[in-house]
N, C-alpha and C. Protein backbone atom coordinates (compact mmCIF):
# COMPACT_ATOMS: atom_id res chain seq x y z
N MET A 1 -3.72 -47.98 -33.87
CA MET A 1 -4.34 -46.57 -32.97
C MET A 1 -3.33 -46.07 -31.40
N SER A 2 -3.03 -45.59 -31.01
CA SER A 2 -1.91 -45.25 -30.07
C SER A 2 -2.73 -45.50 -29.29
N ASP A 3 -2.56 -45.63 -27.84
CA ASP A 3 -3.40 -44.42 -27.15
C ASP A 3 -3.21 -43.20 -26.29
N PRO A 4 -4.33 -42.72 -26.72
CA PRO A 4 -4.28 -41.58 -25.90
C PRO A 4 -3.43 -41.24 -24.63
N SER A 5 -3.28 -40.24 -24.58
CA SER A 5 -2.54 -39.65 -24.19
C SER A 5 -2.52 -38.89 -22.27
N PRO A 6 -1.73 -39.44 -21.56
CA PRO A 6 -2.56 -38.42 -20.18
C PRO A 6 -3.27 -36.91 -20.40
N LEU A 7 -3.07 -36.53 -20.57
CA LEU A 7 -3.92 -35.17 -20.80
C LEU A 7 -4.61 -35.56 -20.90
N ALA A 8 -4.71 -36.40 -22.39
CA ALA A 8 -6.22 -36.30 -23.94
C ALA A 8 -6.95 -37.32 -22.33
N GLN A 9 -6.49 -38.49 -21.81
CA GLN A 9 -7.79 -39.32 -21.42
C GLN A 9 -8.09 -38.26 -19.76
N ALA A 10 -6.96 -37.24 -19.83
CA ALA A 10 -7.73 -35.93 -18.32
C ALA A 10 -8.39 -35.14 -18.34
N GLN A 11 -8.22 -34.60 -19.81
CA GLN A 11 -9.88 -33.59 -20.15
C GLN A 11 -10.83 -35.09 -20.80
N ALA A 12 -11.13 -35.67 -20.83
CA ALA A 12 -12.24 -36.67 -21.32
C ALA A 12 -12.38 -36.91 -20.09
N ILE A 13 -12.36 -37.35 -18.73
CA ILE A 13 -12.35 -37.41 -17.73
C ILE A 13 -13.18 -35.82 -17.09
N ILE A 14 -12.27 -34.46 -17.60
CA ILE A 14 -12.98 -33.95 -16.87
C ILE A 14 -14.06 -33.34 -17.37
N ARG A 15 -14.43 -33.30 -19.02
CA ARG A 15 -14.95 -32.66 -19.66
C ARG A 15 -16.51 -32.94 -18.92
N GLU A 16 -17.28 -34.19 -18.18
CA GLU A 16 -17.95 -34.33 -18.09
C GLU A 16 -19.10 -32.97 -16.85
N PHE A 17 -17.40 -33.10 -15.90
CA PHE A 17 -18.15 -31.78 -14.84
C PHE A 17 -17.51 -29.65 -15.83
N LEU A 18 -18.04 -30.12 -16.91
CA LEU A 18 -18.26 -28.76 -16.91
C LEU A 18 -19.04 -28.29 -17.12
N LYS A 19 -19.46 -26.79 -17.07
CA LYS A 19 -20.77 -26.77 -16.56
C LYS A 19 -21.03 -24.37 -17.93
N PRO A 20 -21.95 -24.87 -18.25
CA PRO A 20 -21.88 -24.19 -19.54
C PRO A 20 -22.13 -22.24 -18.45
N ASN A 21 -21.82 -22.02 -18.02
CA ASN A 21 -20.94 -20.77 -17.20
C ASN A 21 -19.66 -20.67 -16.99
N THR A 22 -18.98 -21.30 -18.01
CA THR A 22 -16.82 -21.00 -18.06
C THR A 22 -16.92 -20.38 -16.76
N THR A 23 -17.26 -19.01 -15.68
CA THR A 23 -16.48 -18.62 -15.26
C THR A 23 -17.59 -19.30 -13.81
N ALA A 24 -18.09 -19.92 -13.97
CA ALA A 24 -18.10 -21.52 -12.28
C ALA A 24 -17.49 -22.12 -12.00
N TYR A 25 -16.86 -22.43 -10.74
CA TYR A 25 -16.13 -23.43 -10.26
C TYR A 25 -16.35 -24.54 -10.99
N LEU A 26 -15.45 -25.75 -11.31
CA LEU A 26 -15.44 -26.81 -11.83
C LEU A 26 -16.10 -28.10 -10.72
N PHE A 27 -15.17 -27.91 -9.57
CA PHE A 27 -15.72 -28.38 -8.44
C PHE A 27 -16.34 -27.70 -7.29
N SER A 28 -17.41 -28.06 -6.51
CA SER A 28 -17.35 -26.96 -5.75
C SER A 28 -18.65 -28.04 -4.98
N PRO A 29 -18.15 -27.74 -3.96
CA PRO A 29 -18.73 -28.18 -2.84
C PRO A 29 -20.96 -28.17 -2.53
N GLN A 30 -20.96 -27.41 -2.84
CA GLN A 30 -22.41 -27.51 -2.71
C GLN A 30 -23.00 -28.89 -4.25
N ASP A 31 -22.32 -28.65 -5.05
CA ASP A 31 -22.26 -29.71 -6.33
C ASP A 31 -22.15 -31.33 -5.50
N SER A 32 -21.29 -31.03 -4.83
CA SER A 32 -20.58 -32.40 -4.03
C SER A 32 -21.81 -33.37 -3.60
N ARG A 33 -22.44 -32.40 -2.45
CA ARG A 33 -23.55 -32.45 -1.68
C ARG A 33 -25.00 -32.52 -2.20
N ALA A 34 -24.34 -32.13 -3.50
CA ALA A 34 -26.41 -31.83 -3.86
C ALA A 34 -25.73 -33.60 -4.75
N TRP A 35 -24.94 -34.40 -5.24
CA TRP A 35 -25.19 -34.84 -5.73
C TRP A 35 -25.45 -36.22 -5.00
N HIS A 36 -24.33 -36.83 -3.41
CA HIS A 36 -24.36 -37.30 -2.80
C HIS A 36 -25.94 -37.48 -2.61
N ASP A 37 -26.65 -36.24 -1.92
CA ASP A 37 -27.61 -36.62 -1.60
C ASP A 37 -29.06 -37.45 -1.94
N SER A 38 -28.14 -36.72 -3.75
CA SER A 38 -29.46 -37.17 -4.68
C SER A 38 -28.74 -38.70 -4.57
N GLN A 39 -27.88 -39.90 -4.27
CA GLN A 39 -27.48 -41.19 -4.48
C GLN A 39 -28.44 -41.80 -3.20
N ARG A 40 -28.08 -40.70 -2.24
CA ARG A 40 -28.62 -41.33 -0.68
C ARG A 40 -30.53 -41.53 -1.12
N ARG A 41 -30.88 -40.51 -2.04
CA ARG A 41 -32.42 -40.60 -1.81
C ARG A 41 -32.40 -42.17 -2.95
N ALA A 42 -31.39 -41.97 -4.24
CA ALA A 42 -31.46 -42.84 -5.28
C ALA A 42 -31.75 -44.06 -4.17
N GLY A 43 -30.71 -44.86 -3.40
CA GLY A 43 -30.91 -45.79 -2.69
C GLY A 43 -31.85 -46.48 -0.96
N ARG A 44 -32.92 -45.79 -1.27
CA ARG A 44 -33.41 -45.78 0.13
C ARG A 44 -34.16 -47.01 -0.54
N LYS A 45 -33.71 -47.70 0.57
CA LYS A 45 -34.98 -49.02 1.28
C LYS A 45 -36.05 -49.05 1.34
N SER A 46 -36.50 -47.67 1.92
CA SER A 46 -37.83 -47.89 3.20
C SER A 46 -38.51 -46.58 2.42
N PRO A 47 -39.47 -46.68 2.53
CA PRO A 47 -40.40 -45.26 2.11
C PRO A 47 -40.36 -44.34 3.06
N MET A 48 -39.90 -42.19 2.57
CA MET A 48 -39.59 -41.75 3.68
C MET A 48 -40.94 -41.32 4.68
N THR A 49 -40.95 -41.29 5.25
CA THR A 49 -41.90 -40.93 6.07
C THR A 49 -43.08 -39.75 6.38
N PRO A 50 -44.47 -39.32 6.45
CA PRO A 50 -44.56 -38.62 6.42
C PRO A 50 -44.10 -37.25 7.40
N SER A 51 -43.61 -37.89 8.11
CA SER A 51 -42.85 -36.22 9.89
C SER A 51 -41.55 -36.09 8.23
N GLN A 52 -40.81 -37.49 8.00
CA GLN A 52 -39.30 -36.90 7.42
C GLN A 52 -39.43 -35.72 5.88
N ALA A 53 -40.38 -35.78 5.36
CA ALA A 53 -40.76 -35.11 3.85
C ALA A 53 -41.38 -34.09 4.17
N SER A 54 -42.53 -33.72 5.66
CA SER A 54 -42.84 -32.79 5.20
C SER A 54 -42.08 -31.10 6.95
N ARG A 55 -40.99 -31.85 6.53
CA ARG A 55 -39.41 -31.53 7.56
C ARG A 55 -39.02 -30.37 6.36
N ARG A 56 -38.09 -29.28 6.71
CA ARG A 56 -37.61 -28.53 5.91
C ARG A 56 -36.58 -27.81 6.16
N ARG A 57 -35.62 -27.18 5.61
CA ARG A 57 -34.71 -27.61 5.65
C ARG A 57 -34.09 -26.16 6.29
N LYS A 58 -33.18 -25.54 7.37
CA LYS A 58 -32.76 -24.78 8.40
C LYS A 58 -32.95 -23.89 6.98
N SER A 59 -33.60 -22.61 7.35
CA SER A 59 -32.84 -21.40 6.94
C SER A 59 -32.17 -20.83 6.36
N ARG A 60 -31.11 -21.17 8.14
CA ARG A 60 -29.88 -20.73 8.30
C ARG A 60 -29.41 -20.96 8.82
N PRO A 61 -28.58 -22.32 8.21
CA PRO A 61 -27.82 -23.32 8.76
C PRO A 61 -25.93 -22.64 8.81
N LYS A 62 -25.97 -23.00 10.51
CA LYS A 62 -24.08 -22.46 10.98
C LYS A 62 -23.06 -22.96 10.39
N ARG A 63 -23.66 -24.22 9.19
CA ARG A 63 -22.83 -24.52 8.12
C ARG A 63 -23.54 -25.34 6.30
N SER A 64 -22.62 -24.11 6.80
CA SER A 64 -23.35 -25.19 4.61
C SER A 64 -22.10 -25.13 3.78
N PRO A 65 -22.42 -26.08 2.46
CA PRO A 65 -21.51 -26.39 1.35
C PRO A 65 -20.78 -25.58 0.72
N GLY A 66 -19.61 -23.96 0.16
CA GLY A 66 -19.55 -23.29 -0.29
C GLY A 66 -20.02 -23.83 -1.80
N GLU A 67 -19.09 -22.26 -2.48
CA GLU A 67 -19.99 -22.77 -3.65
C GLU A 67 -18.52 -23.18 -4.81
N LYS A 68 -17.01 -22.84 -3.40
CA LYS A 68 -15.67 -23.46 -5.03
C LYS A 68 -14.94 -23.34 -2.72
N TYR A 69 -13.88 -24.67 -2.92
CA TYR A 69 -13.67 -25.28 -2.50
C TYR A 69 -12.17 -24.17 -1.67
N GLU A 70 -11.96 -24.21 -0.66
CA GLU A 70 -10.86 -23.73 -0.08
C GLU A 70 -9.22 -24.61 -0.35
N VAL A 71 -8.38 -23.63 0.26
CA VAL A 71 -6.96 -25.18 -0.46
C VAL A 71 -7.08 -26.16 1.05
N PRO A 72 -7.07 -25.95 2.01
CA PRO A 72 -7.26 -27.09 3.13
C PRO A 72 -7.92 -28.41 2.45
N SER A 73 -9.97 -27.46 2.06
CA SER A 73 -10.17 -28.23 2.33
C SER A 73 -10.69 -28.79 0.51
N TYR A 74 -10.29 -28.96 -0.88
CA TYR A 74 -9.56 -29.37 -1.93
C TYR A 74 -8.81 -30.35 -1.17
N GLY A 75 -7.64 -30.46 -0.96
CA GLY A 75 -6.89 -31.25 -0.64
C GLY A 75 -7.42 -32.66 0.25
N HIS A 76 -7.89 -32.27 1.38
CA HIS A 76 -8.94 -33.34 1.97
C HIS A 76 -9.56 -33.92 1.21
N ALA A 77 -10.80 -33.36 0.44
CA ALA A 77 -11.34 -34.05 -1.31
C ALA A 77 -10.88 -35.01 -1.20
N ILE A 78 -9.41 -34.24 -1.95
CA ILE A 78 -8.95 -35.64 -3.23
C ILE A 78 -8.22 -35.98 -1.90
N LYS A 79 -7.98 -36.65 -0.69
CA LYS A 79 -7.32 -37.24 0.40
C LYS A 79 -8.64 -38.11 0.39
N TYR A 80 -9.99 -38.20 0.51
CA TYR A 80 -10.73 -38.99 0.78
C TYR A 80 -11.68 -39.81 -0.98
N GLY A 81 -11.44 -38.81 -1.76
CA GLY A 81 -11.66 -39.21 -2.81
C GLY A 81 -10.27 -40.44 -2.94
N ALA A 82 -9.13 -39.96 -3.21
CA ALA A 82 -8.47 -41.13 -3.48
C ALA A 82 -8.51 -42.21 -2.80
N ARG A 83 -8.38 -42.24 -1.70
CA ARG A 83 -8.43 -43.28 -0.38
C ARG A 83 -10.06 -44.64 -0.25
N LYS A 84 -11.49 -42.84 -0.94
CA LYS A 84 -12.45 -43.82 -1.49
C LYS A 84 -12.29 -45.10 -2.76
N ALA A 85 -11.06 -44.15 -4.01
CA ALA A 85 -11.02 -45.22 -5.03
C ALA A 85 -9.94 -45.97 -5.39
N GLY A 86 -8.85 -46.25 -3.82
CA GLY A 86 -8.60 -46.93 -3.26
C GLY A 86 -6.94 -46.91 -4.56
N VAL A 87 -6.34 -45.75 -4.39
CA VAL A 87 -5.20 -45.66 -5.30
C VAL A 87 -4.71 -44.88 -4.96
N PRO A 88 -3.28 -44.15 -4.42
CA PRO A 88 -2.11 -43.75 -3.80
C PRO A 88 -2.44 -41.64 -3.05
N HIS A 89 -2.19 -42.16 -2.71
CA HIS A 89 -3.03 -40.67 -2.50
C HIS A 89 -1.66 -39.44 -2.59
N TRP A 90 -2.15 -38.03 -3.00
CA TRP A 90 -1.91 -37.21 -4.04
C TRP A 90 -1.67 -36.22 -4.04
N THR A 91 -1.30 -34.35 -4.55
CA THR A 91 -1.92 -33.54 -4.28
C THR A 91 -1.63 -32.61 -5.31
N PRO A 92 -2.54 -31.67 -4.79
CA PRO A 92 -2.95 -30.82 -5.96
C PRO A 92 -1.56 -30.30 -6.63
N ASN A 93 -0.55 -29.73 -5.30
CA ASN A 93 0.79 -29.83 -6.21
C ASN A 93 1.62 -30.32 -7.05
N GLN A 94 1.22 -31.22 -6.70
CA GLN A 94 1.66 -32.54 -7.79
C GLN A 94 1.51 -32.10 -9.00
N LEU A 95 0.17 -32.03 -9.73
CA LEU A 95 -0.03 -31.35 -10.98
C LEU A 95 0.12 -30.58 -11.61
N ARG A 96 0.98 -29.23 -10.44
CA ARG A 96 2.23 -28.07 -11.34
C ARG A 96 2.75 -28.96 -11.17
N HIS A 97 3.40 -29.18 -10.56
CA HIS A 97 5.32 -30.24 -10.77
C HIS A 97 4.91 -30.49 -12.34
N SER A 98 4.53 -31.84 -12.47
CA SER A 98 4.11 -32.50 -13.45
C SER A 98 4.10 -31.39 -14.78
N VAL A 99 2.72 -30.49 -14.32
CA VAL A 99 2.28 -29.66 -16.38
C VAL A 99 3.78 -29.08 -15.78
N ALA A 100 4.89 -28.06 -14.98
CA ALA A 100 6.18 -27.37 -15.03
C ALA A 100 6.47 -28.68 -15.98
N THR A 101 6.87 -29.85 -15.72
CA THR A 101 8.26 -30.81 -15.80
C THR A 101 7.63 -30.62 -17.25
N LEU A 102 6.63 -31.44 -17.76
CA LEU A 102 6.38 -31.30 -18.62
C LEU A 102 6.35 -30.33 -19.95
N VAL A 103 6.07 -29.03 -19.57
CA VAL A 103 6.03 -27.86 -20.30
C VAL A 103 7.40 -27.97 -20.84
N HIS A 104 8.32 -27.71 -19.44
CA HIS A 104 9.54 -27.27 -19.51
C HIS A 104 10.67 -28.54 -20.62
N SER A 105 9.96 -30.16 -20.66
CA SER A 105 11.02 -30.83 -21.26
C SER A 105 9.97 -30.26 -23.27
N GLU A 106 8.95 -30.20 -23.55
CA GLU A 106 8.77 -30.10 -24.10
C GLU A 106 8.97 -29.18 -24.96
N PHE A 107 9.10 -28.24 -23.84
CA PHE A 107 9.06 -26.65 -24.98
C PHE A 107 10.08 -25.52 -24.57
N GLY A 108 10.46 -25.54 -23.26
CA GLY A 108 11.16 -24.90 -22.58
C GLY A 108 10.75 -24.12 -21.16
N LEU A 109 12.31 -23.26 -20.93
CA LEU A 109 12.20 -22.61 -19.55
C LEU A 109 10.98 -21.62 -19.84
N GLU A 110 11.61 -21.09 -20.61
CA GLU A 110 9.86 -19.45 -20.44
C GLU A 110 8.99 -20.10 -21.60
N GLU A 111 8.52 -20.65 -21.60
CA GLU A 111 7.16 -22.00 -22.18
C GLU A 111 6.35 -21.65 -20.79
N SER A 112 7.11 -22.50 -20.20
CA SER A 112 6.83 -23.49 -19.07
C SER A 112 7.09 -22.01 -18.19
N GLN A 113 7.67 -20.78 -17.83
CA GLN A 113 7.46 -19.92 -16.78
C GLN A 113 6.27 -19.80 -16.66
N VAL A 114 5.77 -18.78 -18.76
CA VAL A 114 4.44 -18.15 -19.01
C VAL A 114 2.99 -19.14 -18.32
N VAL A 115 3.85 -20.97 -18.68
CA VAL A 115 2.27 -21.51 -18.08
C VAL A 115 2.27 -21.27 -16.42
N MET A 116 3.08 -21.28 -15.95
CA MET A 116 3.39 -21.83 -14.78
C MET A 116 2.99 -20.75 -14.20
N GLY A 117 2.42 -18.66 -14.77
CA GLY A 117 2.41 -17.83 -13.96
C GLY A 117 3.66 -17.09 -13.29
N HIS A 118 4.38 -17.59 -13.17
CA HIS A 118 5.75 -17.18 -11.78
C HIS A 118 6.58 -15.63 -13.26
N THR A 119 6.65 -14.28 -11.76
CA THR A 119 8.04 -13.74 -12.96
C THR A 119 8.77 -13.85 -12.98
N LYS A 120 9.88 -15.31 -11.83
CA LYS A 120 11.25 -15.34 -12.48
C LYS A 120 11.04 -16.88 -12.93
N ALA A 121 12.54 -16.83 -13.81
CA ALA A 121 12.48 -18.27 -13.97
C ALA A 121 13.06 -18.84 -12.81
N ASP A 122 13.89 -18.61 -12.12
CA ASP A 122 14.11 -19.45 -10.53
C ASP A 122 13.20 -20.08 -9.97
N VAL A 123 12.31 -19.70 -10.05
CA VAL A 123 10.90 -20.92 -9.91
C VAL A 123 10.43 -21.02 -10.75
N THR A 124 9.88 -21.27 -11.77
CA THR A 124 9.55 -22.10 -12.44
C THR A 124 10.95 -23.64 -13.17
N GLN A 125 12.34 -23.51 -12.83
CA GLN A 125 13.34 -24.37 -11.91
C GLN A 125 12.74 -25.47 -11.20
N ILE A 126 12.32 -24.53 -10.05
CA ILE A 126 12.10 -24.76 -8.64
C ILE A 126 11.64 -26.37 -9.43
N TYR A 127 9.52 -25.79 -9.64
CA TYR A 127 8.77 -26.31 -10.33
C TYR A 127 8.91 -27.64 -11.36
N ALA A 128 9.54 -27.47 -12.23
CA ALA A 128 10.19 -28.31 -13.15
C ALA A 128 11.72 -29.64 -12.88
N GLN A 129 10.60 -30.70 -12.78
CA GLN A 129 11.31 -31.99 -12.16
C GLN A 129 12.54 -31.67 -13.31
N ARG A 130 13.94 -32.38 -12.35
CA ARG A 130 14.89 -33.05 -13.85
C ARG A 130 14.48 -34.10 -15.25
N ASN A 131 15.69 -33.84 -15.82
CA ASN A 131 14.10 -34.11 -16.90
C ASN A 131 15.50 -35.87 -18.02
N GLU A 132 15.83 -36.48 -16.80
CA GLU A 132 16.75 -37.71 -16.88
C GLU A 132 16.38 -37.98 -18.30
N LYS A 133 16.09 -37.91 -19.15
CA LYS A 133 16.04 -38.07 -20.29
C LYS A 133 17.25 -37.79 -20.76
N LEU A 134 17.36 -36.87 -20.79
CA LEU A 134 17.84 -35.31 -21.23
C LEU A 134 18.64 -35.71 -20.78
N ALA A 135 19.20 -36.09 -19.32
CA ALA A 135 20.69 -36.13 -18.92
C ALA A 135 20.96 -37.08 -19.79
N PHE A 136 20.00 -38.17 -20.03
CA PHE A 136 21.08 -39.75 -20.87
C PHE A 136 22.05 -39.35 -21.86
N GLU A 137 20.86 -38.58 -22.43
CA GLU A 137 20.86 -38.17 -24.49
C GLU A 137 22.54 -36.96 -24.30
N VAL A 138 22.53 -36.46 -23.81
CA VAL A 138 24.23 -35.68 -23.67
C VAL A 138 25.07 -36.86 -22.19
N ALA A 139 24.94 -37.43 -22.01
CA ALA A 139 26.12 -38.43 -21.87
C ALA A 139 26.09 -39.41 -22.52
N GLY A 140 24.94 -39.53 -23.63
CA GLY A 140 25.79 -40.27 -24.63
C GLY A 140 26.47 -39.91 -25.44
N LYS A 141 26.17 -38.85 -25.93
CA LYS A 141 26.55 -38.41 -26.61
C LYS A 141 27.75 -37.59 -26.66
N ILE A 142 28.87 -37.41 -25.17
CA ILE A 142 30.06 -36.65 -24.97
C ILE A 142 30.49 -38.01 -24.09
N GLY A 143 29.81 -38.86 -24.03
CA GLY A 143 30.67 -40.63 -23.85
C GLY A 143 30.64 -40.25 -22.27
């Protein structure tokens, strides 16, 4: 049996983050904060003091995690996560380039344009990286 494709592997990882509400954001700063807080509580070495237990959260804090990541905060979260996981830094835009390249090489320009949501094919061609394998095949056929 062959190894699952990178796409299948990514889908398996993401599956645990899916929510019953299909319109909810997949990754949320609120969810992240709740998870981190629960991890900290579970990792406590000493019991909570009565004064800590009786504290109430501010009803209107100046800053609180949002429902969704904004463009800069999404990039920061990825950078932090990559560093923490010990993997090379990457950006969300690299995912778009990878998908555009994959769809373009497997299905063609028009399909890639539709998947990427571009109105003009020139923009899609910027995203789809050169297919070196195809270049070698062409060179091999024409000599």
